[in-house]
PDB file of N, CA and C in Angstrom:
ATOM      1  N   MET A   1       0.614  -1.352   0.240  1.00  0.00           N
ATOM      2  CA  MET A   1       0.155  -0.069   0.217  1.00  0.00           C
ATOM      3  C   MET A   1       0.894   1.157   0.065  1.00  0.00           C
ATOM      4  N   ASP A   2       0.467   2.365  -0.864  1.00  0.00           N
ATOM      5  CA  ASP A   2       1.301   3.246  -0.831  1.00  0.00           C
ATOM      6  C   ASP A   2       1.288   4.307   0.401  1.00  0.00           C
ATOM      7  N   LYS A   3       2.272   5.222   0.356  1.00  0.00           N
ATOM      8  CA  LYS A   3       2.178   6.250   1.553  1.00  0.00           C
ATOM      9  C   LYS A   3       0.871   6.751   1.599  1.00  0.00           C
ATOM     10  N   LYS A   4       0.263   7.582   0.531  1.00  0.00           N
ATOM     11  CA  LYS A   4      -1.267   8.244   0.884  1.00  0.00           C
ATOM     12  C   LYS A   4      -2.049   7.393   1.687  1.00  0.00           C
ATOM     13  N   ASN A   5      -1.864   5.992   1.352  1.00  0.00           N
ATOM     14  CA  ASN A   5      -2.959   4.974   1.868  1.00  0.00           C
ATOM     15  C   ASN A   5      -2.526   4.284   3.352  1.00  0.00           C
ATOM     16  N   ALA A   6      -1.310   4.823   3.808  1.00  0.00           N
ATOM     17  CA  ALA A   6      -0.758   4.077   5.089  1.00  0.00           C
ATOM     18  C   ALA A   6      -1.676   4.346   6.053  1.00  0.00           C
ATOM     19  N   HIS A   7      -2.648   5.317   6.109  1.00  0.00           N
ATOM     20  CA  HIS A   7      -3.246   5.237   7.203  1.00  0.00           C
ATOM     21  C   HIS A   7      -4.329   4.274   7.591  1.00  0.00           C
ATOM     22  N   ILE A   8      -4.465   3.419   6.270  1.00  0.00           N
ATOM     23  CA  ILE A   8      -5.523   2.464   6.271  1.00  0.00           C
ATOM     24  C   ILE A   8      -4.997   1.043   7.107  1.00  0.00           C
ATOM     25  N   THR A   9      -5.344   0.914   8.305  1.00  0.00           N
ATOM     26  CA  THR A   9      -4.462  -0.260   8.715  1.00  0.00           C
ATOM     27  C   THR A   9      -5.303  -1.539   9.132  1.00  0.00           C
ATOM     28  N   SER A  10      -6.326  -1.244   9.691  1.00  0.00           N
ATOM     29  CA  SER A  10      -7.310  -2.400  10.027  1.00  0.00           C
ATOM     30  C   SER A  10      -7.483  -3.538   8.787  1.00  0.00           C
ATOM     31  N   LEU A  11      -7.946  -4.692   8.705  1.00  0.00           N
ATOM     32  CA  LEU A  11      -8.280  -5.531   7.515  1.00  0.00           C
ATOM     33  C   LEU A  11      -9.360  -5.141   6.982  1.00  0.00           C
ATOM     34  N   LYS A  12     -10.482  -4.656   7.990  1.00  0.00           N
ATOM     35  CA  LYS A  12     -11.464  -4.343   7.483  1.00  0.00           C
ATOM     36  C   LYS A  12     -11.466  -3.018   6.447  1.00  0.00           C
ATOM     37  N   GLU A  13     -10.779  -1.895   6.896  1.00  0.00           N
ATOM     38  CA  GLU A  13     -10.477  -0.704   6.356  1.00  0.00           C
ATOM     39  C   GLU A  13      -9.753  -1.072   5.207  1.00  0.00           C
ATOM     40  N   ARG A  14      -9.221  -2.013   5.169  1.00  0.00           N
ATOM     41  CA  ARG A  14      -8.139  -2.440   3.839  1.00  0.00           C
ATOM     42  C   ARG A  14      -9.079  -2.865   2.717  1.00  0.00           C
ATOM     43  N   TRP A  15      -9.794  -3.660   3.421  1.00  0.00           N
ATOM     44  CA  TRP A  15     -11.172  -4.722   2.444  1.00  0.00           C
ATOM     45  C   TRP A  15     -11.750  -3.312   2.086  1.00  0.00           C
ATOM     46  N   GLU A  16     -12.257  -2.557   2.615  1.00  0.00           N
ATOM     47  CA  GLU A  16     -13.590  -1.749   2.194  1.00  0.00           C
ATOM     48  C   GLU A  16     -12.704  -0.689   1.369  1.00  0.00           C
ATOM     49  N   PHE A  17     -11.236  -0.556   1.159  1.00  0.00           N
ATOM     50  CA  PHE A  17     -10.521   0.385   0.601  1.00  0.00           C
ATOM     51  C   PHE A  17     -10.365  -0.287  -0.977  1.00  0.00           C
ATOM     52  N   LEU A  18     -10.222  -1.527  -0.839  1.00  0.00           N
ATOM     53  CA  LEU A  18      -9.987  -2.275  -2.086  1.00  0.00           C
ATOM     54  C   LEU A  18     -11.343  -2.453  -2.673  1.00  0.00           C
ATOM     55  N   LEU A  19     -12.389  -2.662  -2.112  1.00  0.00           N
ATOM     56  CA  LEU A  19     -13.893  -2.928  -2.924  1.00  0.00           C
ATOM     57  C   LEU A  19     -14.083  -1.450  -3.332  1.00  0.00           C
ATOM     58  N   GLY A  20     -13.677  -0.390  -2.580  1.00  0.00           N
ATOM     59  CA  GLY A  20     -13.980   1.201  -3.274  1.00  0.00           C
ATOM     60  C   GLY A  20     -13.232   1.475  -4.648  1.00  0.00           C
ATOM     61  N   LYS A  21     -11.870   0.863  -4.802  1.00  0.00           N
ATOM     62  CA  LYS A  21     -11.253   1.016  -5.808  1.00  0.00           C
ATOM     63  C   LYS A  21     -11.859   0.068  -6.973  1.00  0.00           C
ATOM     64  N   LEU A  22     -12.036  -1.017  -6.472  1.00  0.00           N
ATOM     65  CA  LEU A  22     -12.659  -1.875  -7.660  1.00  0.00           C
ATOM     66  C   LEU A  22     -14.095  -1.283  -8.103  1.00  0.00           C
ATOM     67  N   SER A  23     -14.941  -0.940  -6.981  1.00  0.00           N
ATOM     68  CA  SER A  23     -16.159  -0.315  -7.805  1.00  0.00           C
ATOM     69  C   SER A  23     -16.140   0.525  -8.551  1.00  0.00           C
ATOM     70  N   VAL A  24     -15.007   1.793  -8.449  1.00  0.00           N
ATOM     71  CA  VAL A  24     -14.781   2.503  -9.402  1.00  0.00           C
ATOM     72  C   VAL A  24     -14.633   2.163 -10.822  1.00  0.00           C
ATOM     73  N   MET A  25     -14.058   0.894 -11.173  1.00  0.00           N
ATOM     74  CA  MET A  25     -13.522   0.243 -12.155  1.00  0.00           C
ATOM     75  C   MET A  25     -14.777  -0.454 -12.879  1.00  0.00           C
ATOM     76  N   LEU A  26     -15.579  -1.436 -11.756  1.00  0.00           N
ATOM     77  CA  LEU A  26     -16.605  -2.285 -12.106  1.00  0.00           C
ATOM     78  C   LEU A  26     -18.045  -1.457 -12.260  1.00  0.00           C
ATOM     79  N   GLY A  27     -18.216  -0.190 -11.623  1.00  0.00           N
ATOM     80  CA  GLY A  27     -19.560   0.409 -11.328  1.00  0.00           C
ATOM     81  C   GLY A  27     -20.117   0.162 -10.120  1.00  0.00           C
ATOM     82  N   GLU A  28     -19.623  -0.966  -9.844  1.00  0.00           N
ATOM     83  CA  GLU A  28     -20.365  -1.382  -8.465  1.00  0.00           C
ATOM     84  C   GLU A  28     -19.558  -2.224  -7.354  1.00  0.00           C
ATOM     85  N   PRO A  29     -19.422  -2.306  -6.455  1.00  0.00           N
ATOM     86  CA  PRO A  29     -18.397  -3.046  -5.441  1.00  0.00           C
ATOM     87  C   PRO A  29     -19.085  -4.662  -5.687  1.00  0.00           C
ATOM     88  N   PRO A  30     -17.589  -5.224  -6.004  1.00  0.00           N
ATOM     89  CA  PRO A  30     -17.892  -6.974  -5.743  1.00  0.00           C
ATOM     90  C   PRO A  30     -18.112  -7.244  -4.157  1.00  0.00           C
ATOM     91  N   ASP A  31     -18.574  -8.651  -4.444  1.00  0.00           N
ATOM     92  CA  ASP A  31     -18.654  -9.248  -3.256  1.00  0.00           C
ATOM     93  C   ASP A  31     -17.472  -9.990  -3.089  1.00  0.00           C
ATOM     94  N   LEU A  32     -16.941 -10.853  -2.051  1.00  0.00           N
ATOM     95  CA  LEU A  32     -16.040 -11.656  -1.973  1.00  0.00           C
ATOM     96  C   LEU A  32     -15.824 -12.648  -3.166  1.00  0.00           C
ATOM     97  N   GLN A  33     -16.852 -13.099  -3.429  1.00  0.00           N
ATOM     98  CA  GLN A  33     -16.760 -14.118  -4.815  1.00  0.00           C
ATOM     99  C   GLN A  33     -16.402 -13.444  -6.081  1.00  0.00           C
ATOM    100  N   GLY A  34     -17.018 -11.987  -6.072  1.00  0.00           N
ATOM    101  CA  GLY A  34     -16.698 -11.291  -7.285  1.00  0.00           C
ATOM    102  C   GLY A  34     -15.161 -11.020  -7.352  1.00  0.00           C
ATOM    103  N   VAL A  35     -14.363 -10.884  -6.258  1.00  0.00           N
ATOM    104  CA  VAL A  35     -12.981 -10.341  -6.120  1.00  0.00           C
ATOM    105  C   VAL A  35     -12.350 -11.567  -6.260  1.00  0.00           C
ATOM    106  N   ILE A  36     -12.594 -12.725  -6.028  1.00  0.00           N
ATOM    107  CA  ILE A  36     -12.009 -13.942  -6.497  1.00  0.00           C
ATOM    108  C   ILE A  36     -12.161 -14.439  -7.794  1.00  0.00           C
ATOM    109  N   TYR A  37     -13.536 -14.142  -8.500  1.00  0.00           N
ATOM    110  CA  TYR A  37     -13.507 -14.437  -9.793  1.00  0.00           C
ATOM    111  C   TYR A  37     -12.432 -13.405 -10.557  1.00  0.00           C
ATOM    112  N   LEU A  38     -12.575 -11.893 -10.392  1.00  0.00           N
ATOM    113  CA  LEU A  38     -11.450 -11.059 -10.857  1.00  0.00           C
ATOM    114  C   LEU A  38     -10.150 -11.560 -10.747  1.00  0.00           C
ATOM    115  N   ILE A  39      -9.741 -12.262  -9.507  1.00  0.00           N
ATOM    116  CA  ILE A  39      -8.426 -12.599  -9.447  1.00  0.00           C
ATOM    117  C   ILE A  39      -8.182 -13.714 -10.570  1.00  0.00           C
ATOM    118  N   GLY A  40      -9.268 -14.684 -10.452  1.00  0.00           N
ATOM    119  CA  GLY A  40      -8.957 -15.894 -11.606  1.00  0.00           C
ATOM    120  C   GLY A  40      -8.900 -15.387 -12.837  1.00  0.00           C
ATOM    121  N   VAL A  41      -9.687 -14.477 -13.379  1.00  0.00           N
ATOM    122  CA  VAL A  41      -9.365 -13.850 -14.698  1.00  0.00           C
ATOM    123  C   VAL A  41      -8.166 -13.205 -14.761  1.00  0.00           C
ATOM    124  N   GLN A  42      -7.836 -12.374 -14.123  1.00  0.00           N
ATOM    125  CA  GLN A  42      -6.163 -11.665 -14.082  1.00  0.00           C
ATOM    126  C   GLN A  42      -5.372 -13.092 -14.313  1.00  0.00           C
ATOM    127  N   GLU A  43      -5.498 -13.831 -13.279  1.00  0.00           N
ATOM    128  CA  GLU A  43      -4.582 -14.910 -13.204  1.00  0.00           C
ATOM    129  C   GLU A  43      -4.284 -15.786 -14.667  1.00  0.00           C
ATOM    130  N   LEU A  44      -5.460 -16.239 -15.295  1.00  0.00           N
ATOM    131  CA  LEU A  44      -5.317 -16.701 -16.342  1.00  0.00           C
ATOM    132  C   LEU A  44      -4.788 -15.864 -17.558  1.00  0.00           C
ATOM    133  N   GLY A  45      -4.987 -14.403 -17.465  1.00  0.00           N
ATOM    134  CA  GLY A  45      -4.291 -13.958 -18.360  1.00  0.00           C
ATOM    135  C   GLY A  45      -4.635 -13.640 -19.617  1.00  0.00           C
ATOM    136  N   LYS A  46      -5.828 -13.952 -20.005  1.00  0.00           N
ATOM    137  CA  LYS A  46      -6.749 -13.755 -21.214  1.00  0.00           C
ATOM    138  C   LYS A  46      -7.433 -12.974 -21.429  1.00  0.00           C
ATOM    139  N   GLY A  47      -7.823 -12.033 -20.212  1.00  0.00           N
ATOM    140  CA  GLY A  47      -8.639 -11.030 -20.745  1.00  0.00           C
ATOM    141  C   GLY A  47     -10.085 -11.392 -20.166  1.00  0.00           C
ATOM    142  N   PHE A  48     -11.006 -10.270 -20.338  1.00  0.00           N
ATOM    143  CA  PHE A  48     -12.649 -10.976 -19.848  1.00  0.00           C
ATOM    144  C   PHE A  48     -13.014 -11.484 -21.130  1.00  0.00           C
ATOM    145  N   LEU A  49     -13.219 -12.808 -21.474  1.00  0.00           N
ATOM    146  CA  LEU A  49     -13.754 -13.645 -22.375  1.00  0.00           C
ATOM    147  C   LEU A  49     -15.334 -14.213 -21.753  1.00  0.00           C
ATOM    148  N   LYS A  50     -15.963 -14.753 -22.623  1.00  0.00           N
ATOM    149  CA  LYS A  50     -17.006 -15.357 -22.138  1.00  0.00           C
ATOM    150  C   LYS A  50     -16.761 -16.554 -21.958  1.00  0.00           C
ATOM    151  N   PHE A  51     -16.778 -17.010 -20.317  1.00  0.00           N
ATOM    152  CA  PHE A  51     -16.481 -18.255 -19.808  1.00  0.00           C
ATOM    153  C   PHE A  51     -17.590 -19.271 -19.558  1.00  0.00           C
ATOM    154  N   SER A  52     -17.749 -20.553 -20.049  1.00  0.00           N
ATOM    155  CA  SER A  52     -18.851 -21.433 -19.586  1.00  0.00           C
ATOM    156  C   SER A  52     -18.671 -21.385 -17.944  1.00  0.00           C
ATOM    157  N   LYS A  53     -19.874 -22.191 -17.468  1.00  0.00           N
ATOM    158  CA  LYS A  53     -19.959 -22.336 -16.146  1.00  0.00           C
ATOM    159  C   LYS A  53     -18.952 -23.305 -15.490  1.00  0.00           C
ATOM    160  N   ASP A  54     -18.538 -24.022 -15.980  1.00  0.00           N
ATOM    161  CA  ASP A  54     -17.228 -24.799 -15.622  1.00  0.00           C
ATOM    162  C   ASP A  54     -15.746 -24.107 -15.569  1.00  0.00           C
ATOM    163  N   GLN A  55     -15.740 -23.076 -16.564  1.00  0.00           N
ATOM    164  CA  GLN A  55     -14.669 -22.413 -16.658  1.00  0.00           C
ATOM    165  C   GLN A  55     -14.753 -21.515 -15.776  1.00  0.00           C
ATOM    166  N   LYS A  56     -15.886 -21.085 -15.263  1.00  0.00           N
ATOM    167  CA  LYS A  56     -16.118 -19.976 -14.226  1.00  0.00           C
ATOM    168  C   LYS A  56     -15.623 -20.429 -12.904  1.00  0.00           C
ATOM    169  N   GLN A  57     -16.180 -21.789 -12.463  1.00  0.00           N
ATOM    170  CA  GLN A  57     -15.564 -22.553 -11.511  1.00  0.00           C
ATOM    171  C   GLN A  57     -14.207 -22.795 -11.557  1.00  0.00           C
ATOM    172  N   ASP A  58     -13.487 -23.096 -12.630  1.00  0.00           N
ATOM    173  CA  ASP A  58     -11.974 -23.146 -12.702  1.00  0.00           C
ATOM    174  C   ASP A  58     -11.389 -21.764 -12.207  1.00  0.00           C
ATOM    175  N   LEU A  59     -11.951 -21.027 -12.778  1.00  0.00           N
ATOM    176  CA  LEU A  59     -11.167 -19.632 -12.382  1.00  0.00           C
ATOM    177  C   LEU A  59     -11.171 -19.052 -11.054  1.00  0.00           C
ATOM    178  N   MET A  60     -12.311 -19.707 -10.152  1.00  0.00           N
ATOM    179  CA  MET A  60     -12.543 -19.393  -9.091  1.00  0.00           C
ATOM    180  C   MET A  60     -11.299 -20.241  -8.133  1.00  0.00           C
ATOM    181  N   HIS A  61     -11.394 -21.644  -8.714  1.00  0.00           N
ATOM    182  CA  HIS A  61     -10.403 -22.255  -7.822  1.00  0.00           C
ATOM    183  C   HIS A  61      -9.150 -21.795  -8.218  1.00  0.00           C
ATOM    184  N   ILE A  62      -8.673 -21.355  -9.502  1.00  0.00           N
ATOM    185  CA  ILE A  62      -7.177 -20.641  -9.547  1.00  0.00           C
ATOM    186  C   ILE A  62      -6.891 -19.529  -8.643  1.00  0.00           C
ATOM    187  N   ALA A  63      -7.993 -18.782  -8.547  1.00  0.00           N
ATOM    188  CA  ALA A  63      -7.944 -17.753  -7.550  1.00  0.00           C
ATOM    189  C   ALA A  63      -7.540 -18.149  -6.022  1.00  0.00           C
ATOM    190  N   THR A  64      -8.461 -18.887  -5.564  1.00  0.00           N
ATOM    191  CA  THR A  64      -8.380 -19.472  -4.466  1.00  0.00           C
ATOM    192  C   THR A  64      -6.864 -20.378  -4.231  1.00  0.00           C
ATOM    193  N   CYS A  65      -6.618 -20.852  -5.083  1.00  0.00           N
ATOM    194  CA  CYS A  65      -5.106 -21.530  -4.864  1.00  0.00           C
ATOM    195  C   CYS A  65      -4.161 -20.357  -4.775  1.00  0.00           C
ATOM    196  N   LYS A  66      -4.452 -19.454  -5.569  1.00  0.00           N
ATOM    197  CA  LYS A  66      -3.162 -18.252  -5.585  1.00  0.00           C
ATOM    198  C   LYS A  66      -3.075 -17.726  -4.381  1.00  0.00           C
ATOM    199  N   LEU A  67      -4.470 -17.308  -3.574  1.00  0.00           N
ATOM    200  CA  LEU A  67      -4.652 -16.771  -2.800  1.00  0.00           C
ATOM    201  C   LEU A  67      -4.157 -17.385  -1.078  1.00  0.00           C
ATOM    202  N   LEU A  68      -4.245 -18.767  -1.487  1.00  0.00           N
ATOM    203  CA  LEU A  68      -3.724 -19.824  -0.313  1.00  0.00           C
ATOM    204  C   LEU A  68      -2.239 -20.049  -0.559  1.00  0.00           C
ATOM    205  N   SER A  69      -1.911 -19.864  -1.714  1.00  0.00           N
ATOM    206  CA  SER A  69      -0.514 -19.998  -1.877  1.00  0.00           C
ATOM    207  C   SER A  69       0.338 -18.895  -1.013  1.00  0.00           C
ATOM    208  N   TYR A  70      -0.240 -17.756  -0.461  1.00  0.00           N
ATOM    209  CA  TYR A  70       0.486 -16.881   0.283  1.00  0.00           C
ATOM    210  C   TYR A  70       0.733 -17.157   1.652  1.00  0.00           C
ATOM    211  N   SER A  71       0.031 -18.196   2.049  1.00  0.00           N
ATOM    212  CA  SER A  71       0.184 -18.903   3.379  1.00  0.00           C
ATOM    213  C   SER A  71       0.650 -20.195   3.245  1.00  0.00           C
ATOM    214  N   GLY A  72       1.231 -20.718   1.984  1.00  0.00           N
ATOM    215  CA  GLY A  72       1.764 -21.735   2.020  1.00  0.00           C
ATOM    216  C   GLY A  72       0.991 -23.093   1.630  1.00  0.00           C
ATOM    217  N   TYR A  73      -0.197 -23.029   1.387  1.00  0.00           N
ATOM    218  CA  TYR A  73      -1.155 -24.021   1.295  1.00  0.00           C
ATOM    219  C   TYR A  73      -1.000 -24.817  -0.126  1.00  0.00           C
ATOM    220  N   TYR A  74      -0.616 -24.042  -1.063  1.00  0.00           N
ATOM    221  CA  TYR A  74      -0.645 -24.497  -2.625  1.00  0.00           C
ATOM    222  C   TYR A  74       0.628 -23.636  -3.346  1.00  0.00           C
ATOM    223  N   VAL A  75       1.276 -24.516  -4.248  1.00  0.00           N
ATOM    224  CA  VAL A  75       2.246 -23.964  -5.151  1.00  0.00           C
ATOM    225  C   VAL A  75       1.776 -24.357  -6.610  1.00  0.00           C
ATOM    226  N   LEU A  76       2.202 -23.544  -7.422  1.00  0.00           N
ATOM    227  CA  LEU A  76       2.088 -23.359  -8.652  1.00  0.00           C
ATOM    228  C   LEU A  76       2.860 -24.356  -9.414  1.00  0.00           C
ATOM    229  N   GLU A  77       1.809 -25.468 -10.086  1.00  0.00           N
ATOM    230  CA  GLU A  77       3.188 -26.497 -10.760  1.00  0.00           C
ATOM    231  C   GLU A  77       2.986 -26.258 -12.192  1.00  0.00           C
ATOM    232  N   GLY A  78       2.379 -25.424 -12.764  1.00  0.00           N
ATOM    233  CA  GLY A  78       2.498 -25.203 -13.845  1.00  0.00           C
ATOM    234  C   GLY A  78       1.596 -24.583 -14.939  1.00  0.00           C
ATOM    235  N   GLU A  79       1.156 -24.691 -16.232  1.00  0.00           N
ATOM    236  CA  GLU A  79      -0.105 -24.396 -16.846  1.00  0.00           C
ATOM    237  C   GLU A  79      -0.063 -25.838 -17.975  1.00  0.00           C
ATOM    238  N   ASP A  80      -1.278 -25.820 -18.202  1.00  0.00           N
ATOM    239  CA  ASP A  80      -1.712 -26.998 -19.282  1.00  0.00           C
ATOM    240  C   ASP A  80      -1.528 -26.512 -20.738  1.00  0.00           C
ATOM    241  N   LEU A  81      -1.866 -27.212 -21.419  1.00  0.00           N
ATOM    242  CA  LEU A  81      -1.524 -26.707 -23.013  1.00  0.00           C
ATOM    243  C   LEU A  81      -2.374 -25.375 -23.156  1.00  0.00           C
ATOM    244  N   ASP A  82      -3.529 -25.274 -22.683  1.00  0.00           N
ATOM    245  CA  ASP A  82      -4.485 -24.484 -23.031  1.00  0.00           C
ATOM    246  C   ASP A  82      -3.985 -22.955 -22.083  1.00  0.00           C
ATOM    247  N   GLY A  83      -2.848 -23.249 -21.277  1.00  0.00           N
ATOM    248  CA  GLY A  83      -2.625 -22.010 -20.681  1.00  0.00           C
ATOM    249  C   GLY A  83      -3.215 -21.735 -19.622  1.00  0.00           C
ATOM    250  N   TRP A  84      -3.747 -22.712 -18.738  1.00  0.00           N
ATOM    251  CA  TRP A  84      -4.557 -22.513 -17.429  1.00  0.00           C
ATOM    252  C   TRP A  84      -3.566 -23.056 -16.675  1.00  0.00           C
ATOM    253  N   PRO A  85      -3.496 -22.408 -15.369  1.00  0.00           N
ATOM    254  CA  PRO A  85      -2.594 -22.889 -14.408  1.00  0.00           C
ATOM    255  C   PRO A  85      -3.033 -24.039 -13.746  1.00  0.00           C
ATOM    256  N   HIS A  86      -2.040 -24.644 -12.780  1.00  0.00           N
ATOM    257  CA  HIS A  86      -2.497 -25.793 -12.252  1.00  0.00           C
ATOM    258  C   HIS A  86      -1.872 -25.673 -10.648  1.00  0.00           C
ATOM    259  N   TRP A  87      -2.230 -26.035  -9.940  1.00  0.00           N
ATOM    260  CA  TRP A  87      -1.852 -25.607  -8.607  1.00  0.00           C
ATOM    261  C   TRP A  87      -1.665 -26.991  -7.716  1.00  0.00           C
ATOM    262  N   LYS A  88      -0.869 -27.264  -6.763  1.00  0.00           N
ATOM    263  CA  LYS A  88      -0.590 -28.409  -6.153  1.00  0.00           C
ATOM    264  C   LYS A  88      -0.819 -28.013  -4.612  1.00  0.00           C
ATOM    265  N   PRO A  89      -1.652 -28.908  -3.838  1.00  0.00           N
ATOM    266  CA  PRO A  89      -1.861 -28.698  -2.412  1.00  0.00           C
ATOM    267  C   PRO A  89      -0.646 -29.370  -1.594  1.00  0.00           C
ATOM    268  N   VAL A  90      -0.046 -28.153  -0.885  1.00  0.00           N
ATOM    269  CA  VAL A  90       1.313 -28.917  -0.179  1.00  0.00           C
ATOM    270  C   VAL A  90       1.297 -28.849   1.357  1.00  0.00           C
ATOM    271  N   LYS A  91       0.440 -28.416   2.004  1.00  0.00           N
ATOM    272  CA  LYS A  91      -0.196 -28.791   3.374  1.00  0.00           C
ATOM    273  C   LYS A  91      -1.674 -28.656   3.475  1.00  0.00           C
ATOM    274  N   GLU A  92      -2.088 -29.175   4.767  1.00  0.00           N
ATOM    275  CA  GLU A  92      -3.427 -29.273   5.085  1.00  0.00           C
ATOM    276  C   GLU A  92      -4.004 -27.934   5.527  1.00  0.00           C
ATOM    277  N   ILE A  93      -5.300 -27.490   4.901  1.00  0.00           N
ATOM    278  CA  ILE A  93      -5.687 -26.096   5.300  1.00  0.00           C
ATOM    279  C   ILE A  93      -6.735 -26.211   6.727  1.00  0.00           C
ATOM    280  N   PRO A  94      -6.370 -25.447   7.545  1.00  0.00           N
ATOM    281  CA  PRO A  94      -6.726 -25.877   8.902  1.00  0.00           C
ATOM    282  C   PRO A  94      -8.451 -25.528   8.775  1.00  0.00           C
ATOM    283  N   LYS A  95      -9.076 -26.102   9.807  1.00  0.00           N
ATOM    284  CA  LYS A  95     -10.497 -25.928   9.981  1.00  0.00           C
ATOM    285  C   LYS A  95     -10.792 -24.634  10.332  1.00  0.00           C
ATOM    286  N   LEU A  96     -11.716 -23.957   9.811  1.00  0.00           N
ATOM    287  CA  LEU A  96     -11.833 -22.633  10.000  1.00  0.00           C
ATOM    288  C   LEU A  96     -13.425 -22.461   9.807  1.00  0.00           C
ATOM    289  N   SER A  97     -13.948 -21.656  10.957  1.00  0.00           N
ATOM    290  CA  SER A  97     -15.206 -21.165  10.717  1.00  0.00           C
ATOM    291  C   SER A  97     -15.373 -20.346   9.005  1.00  0.00           C
ATOM    292  N   LEU A  98     -16.707 -20.514   8.878  1.00  0.00           N
ATOM    293  CA  LEU A  98     -16.879 -19.642   7.466  1.00  0.00           C
ATOM    294  C   LEU A  98     -16.257 -18.044   7.412  1.00  0.00           C
ATOM    295  N   LYS A  99     -16.896 -17.612   8.450  1.00  0.00           N
ATOM    296  CA  LYS A  99     -16.209 -16.172   8.662  1.00  0.00           C
ATOM    297  C   LYS A  99     -14.620 -16.418   8.789  1.00  0.00           C
ATOM    298  N   GLU A 100     -13.804 -17.073   9.408  1.00  0.00           N
ATOM    299  CA  GLU A 100     -12.474 -17.176   9.188  1.00  0.00           C
ATOM    300  C   GLU A 100     -11.851 -17.185   8.159  1.00  0.00           C
ATOM    301  N   GLN A 101     -12.570 -18.318   7.376  1.00  0.00           N
ATOM    302  CA  GLN A 101     -12.310 -18.517   6.109  1.00  0.00           C
ATOM    303  C   GLN A 101     -12.533 -17.357   5.063  1.00  0.00           C
ATOM    304  N   ASP A 102     -13.455 -16.488   5.281  1.00  0.00           N
ATOM    305  CA  ASP A 102     -13.782 -15.354   4.384  1.00  0.00           C
ATOM    306  C   ASP A 102     -12.576 -14.403   5.050  1.00  0.00           C
ATOM    307  N   TRP A 103     -12.146 -14.155   5.946  1.00  0.00           N
ATOM    308  CA  TRP A 103     -11.192 -13.137   6.398  1.00  0.00           C
ATOM    309  C   TRP A 103      -9.762 -13.455   5.774  1.00  0.00           C
ATOM    310  N   MET A 104      -9.516 -14.854   6.010  1.00  0.00           N
ATOM    311  CA  MET A 104      -8.219 -15.440   5.544  1.00  0.00           C
ATOM    312  C   MET A 104      -8.322 -15.003   3.684  1.00  0.00           C
ATOM    313  N   LEU A 105      -9.484 -15.246   3.142  1.00  0.00           N
ATOM    314  CA  LEU A 105      -9.176 -15.006   1.870  1.00  0.00           C
ATOM    315  C   LEU A 105      -9.286 -13.330   1.409  1.00  0.00           C
ATOM    316  N   LYS A 106     -10.045 -12.801   1.873  1.00  0.00           N
ATOM    317  CA  LYS A 106      -9.934 -11.209   1.973  1.00  0.00           C
ATOM    318  C   LYS A 106      -8.578 -10.776   2.035  1.00  0.00           C
ATOM    319  N   GLU A 107      -8.083 -11.077   3.440  1.00  0.00           N
ATOM    320  CA  GLU A 107      -6.615 -10.701   3.515  1.00  0.00           C
ATOM    321  C   GLU A 107      -5.570 -10.932   2.389  1.00  0.00           C
ATOM    322  N   ALA A 108      -5.763 -12.274   1.902  1.00  0.00           N
ATOM    323  CA  ALA A 108      -5.086 -12.737   0.775  1.00  0.00           C
ATOM    324  C   ALA A 108      -4.958 -11.829  -0.128  1.00  0.00           C
ATOM    325  N   ALA A 109      -6.370 -11.703  -0.513  1.00  0.00           N
ATOM    326  CA  ALA A 109      -7.086 -10.468  -1.614  1.00  0.00           C
ATOM    327  C   ALA A 109      -6.188  -9.435  -1.553  1.00  0.00           C
ATOM    328  N   ILE A 110      -6.365  -8.499  -0.357  1.00  0.00           N
ATOM    329  CA  ILE A 110      -5.575  -7.319  -0.142  1.00  0.00           C
ATOM    330  C   ILE A 110      -4.052  -7.569  -0.590  1.00  0.00           C
ATOM    331  N   THR A 111      -3.617  -8.760  -0.050  1.00  0.00           N
ATOM    332  CA  THR A 111      -2.050  -9.130  -0.273  1.00  0.00           C
ATOM    333  C   THR A 111      -1.997  -8.874  -1.926  1.00  0.00           C
ATOM    334  N   TYR A 112      -2.673  -9.552  -2.592  1.00  0.00           N
ATOM    335  CA  TYR A 112      -2.804 -10.031  -4.113  1.00  0.00           C
ATOM    336  C   TYR A 112      -2.679  -8.505  -5.066  1.00  0.00           C
ATOM    337  N   PHE A 113      -3.904  -7.865  -4.647  1.00  0.00           N
ATOM    338  CA  PHE A 113      -4.016  -6.406  -5.333  1.00  0.00           C
ATOM    339  C   PHE A 113      -2.695  -5.429  -4.870  1.00  0.00           C
ATOM    340  N   GLU A 114      -2.297  -5.479  -3.867  1.00  0.00           N
ATOM    341  CA  GLU A 114      -1.323  -4.717  -3.404  1.00  0.00           C
ATOM    342  C   GLU A 114       0.222  -5.299  -4.214  1.00  0.00           C
ATOM    343  N   GLU A 115      -0.020  -6.439  -4.523  1.00  0.00           N
ATOM    344  CA  GLU A 115       1.118  -7.065  -5.124  1.00  0.00           C
ATOM    345  C   GLU A 115       1.108  -6.977  -6.431  1.00  0.00           C
ATOM    346  N   ILE A 116       0.047  -6.676  -6.954  1.00  0.00           N
ATOM    347  CA  ILE A 116      -0.073  -5.983  -8.560  1.00  0.00           C
ATOM    348  C   ILE A 116       0.094  -4.708  -8.617  1.00  0.00           C
ATOM    349  N   GLU A 117      -0.049  -3.830  -7.532  1.00  0.00           N
ATOM    350  CA  GLU A 117       0.079  -2.615  -7.449  1.00  0.00           C
ATOM    351  C   GLU A 117      -1.210  -2.019  -7.963  1.00  0.00           C
ATOM    352  N   PHE A 118      -2.220  -2.485  -7.751  1.00  0.00           N
ATOM    353  CA  PHE A 118      -3.702  -1.809  -7.802  1.00  0.00           C
ATOM    354  C   PHE A 118      -3.954  -1.240  -6.570  1.00  0.00           C
ATOM    355  N   ILE A 119      -3.404  -1.651  -5.357  1.00  0.00           N
ATOM    356  CA  ILE A 119      -3.504  -0.648  -4.138  1.00  0.00           C
ATOM    357  C   ILE A 119      -2.502  -0.168  -3.361  1.00  0.00           C
TER     358      ILE A 119
END
């Protein structure tokens, strides 16, 4: 996060800041699933195409694996012949409540958007 946004310290504030920036781009703030989908599209690197229902699920899986890779749960194995990334689980994900899972993914999504210098 750049210096002008250094005052945003709590996870909730950082998440709201990210949603605010995304809503400017998208016209409305996405929910967590929407953010995960956007990350999947970004990670695939083919732009916004028309995806089938199965491909949308695959994009969500790609994004979730990318986000969980920050905590060491997945590593990127490589890409298939169509350019889709494949991830390998390397350690078991702890049992978390739904709220804890959401916050874990939100924190990782913030890290992701900081890494690509969106926020």
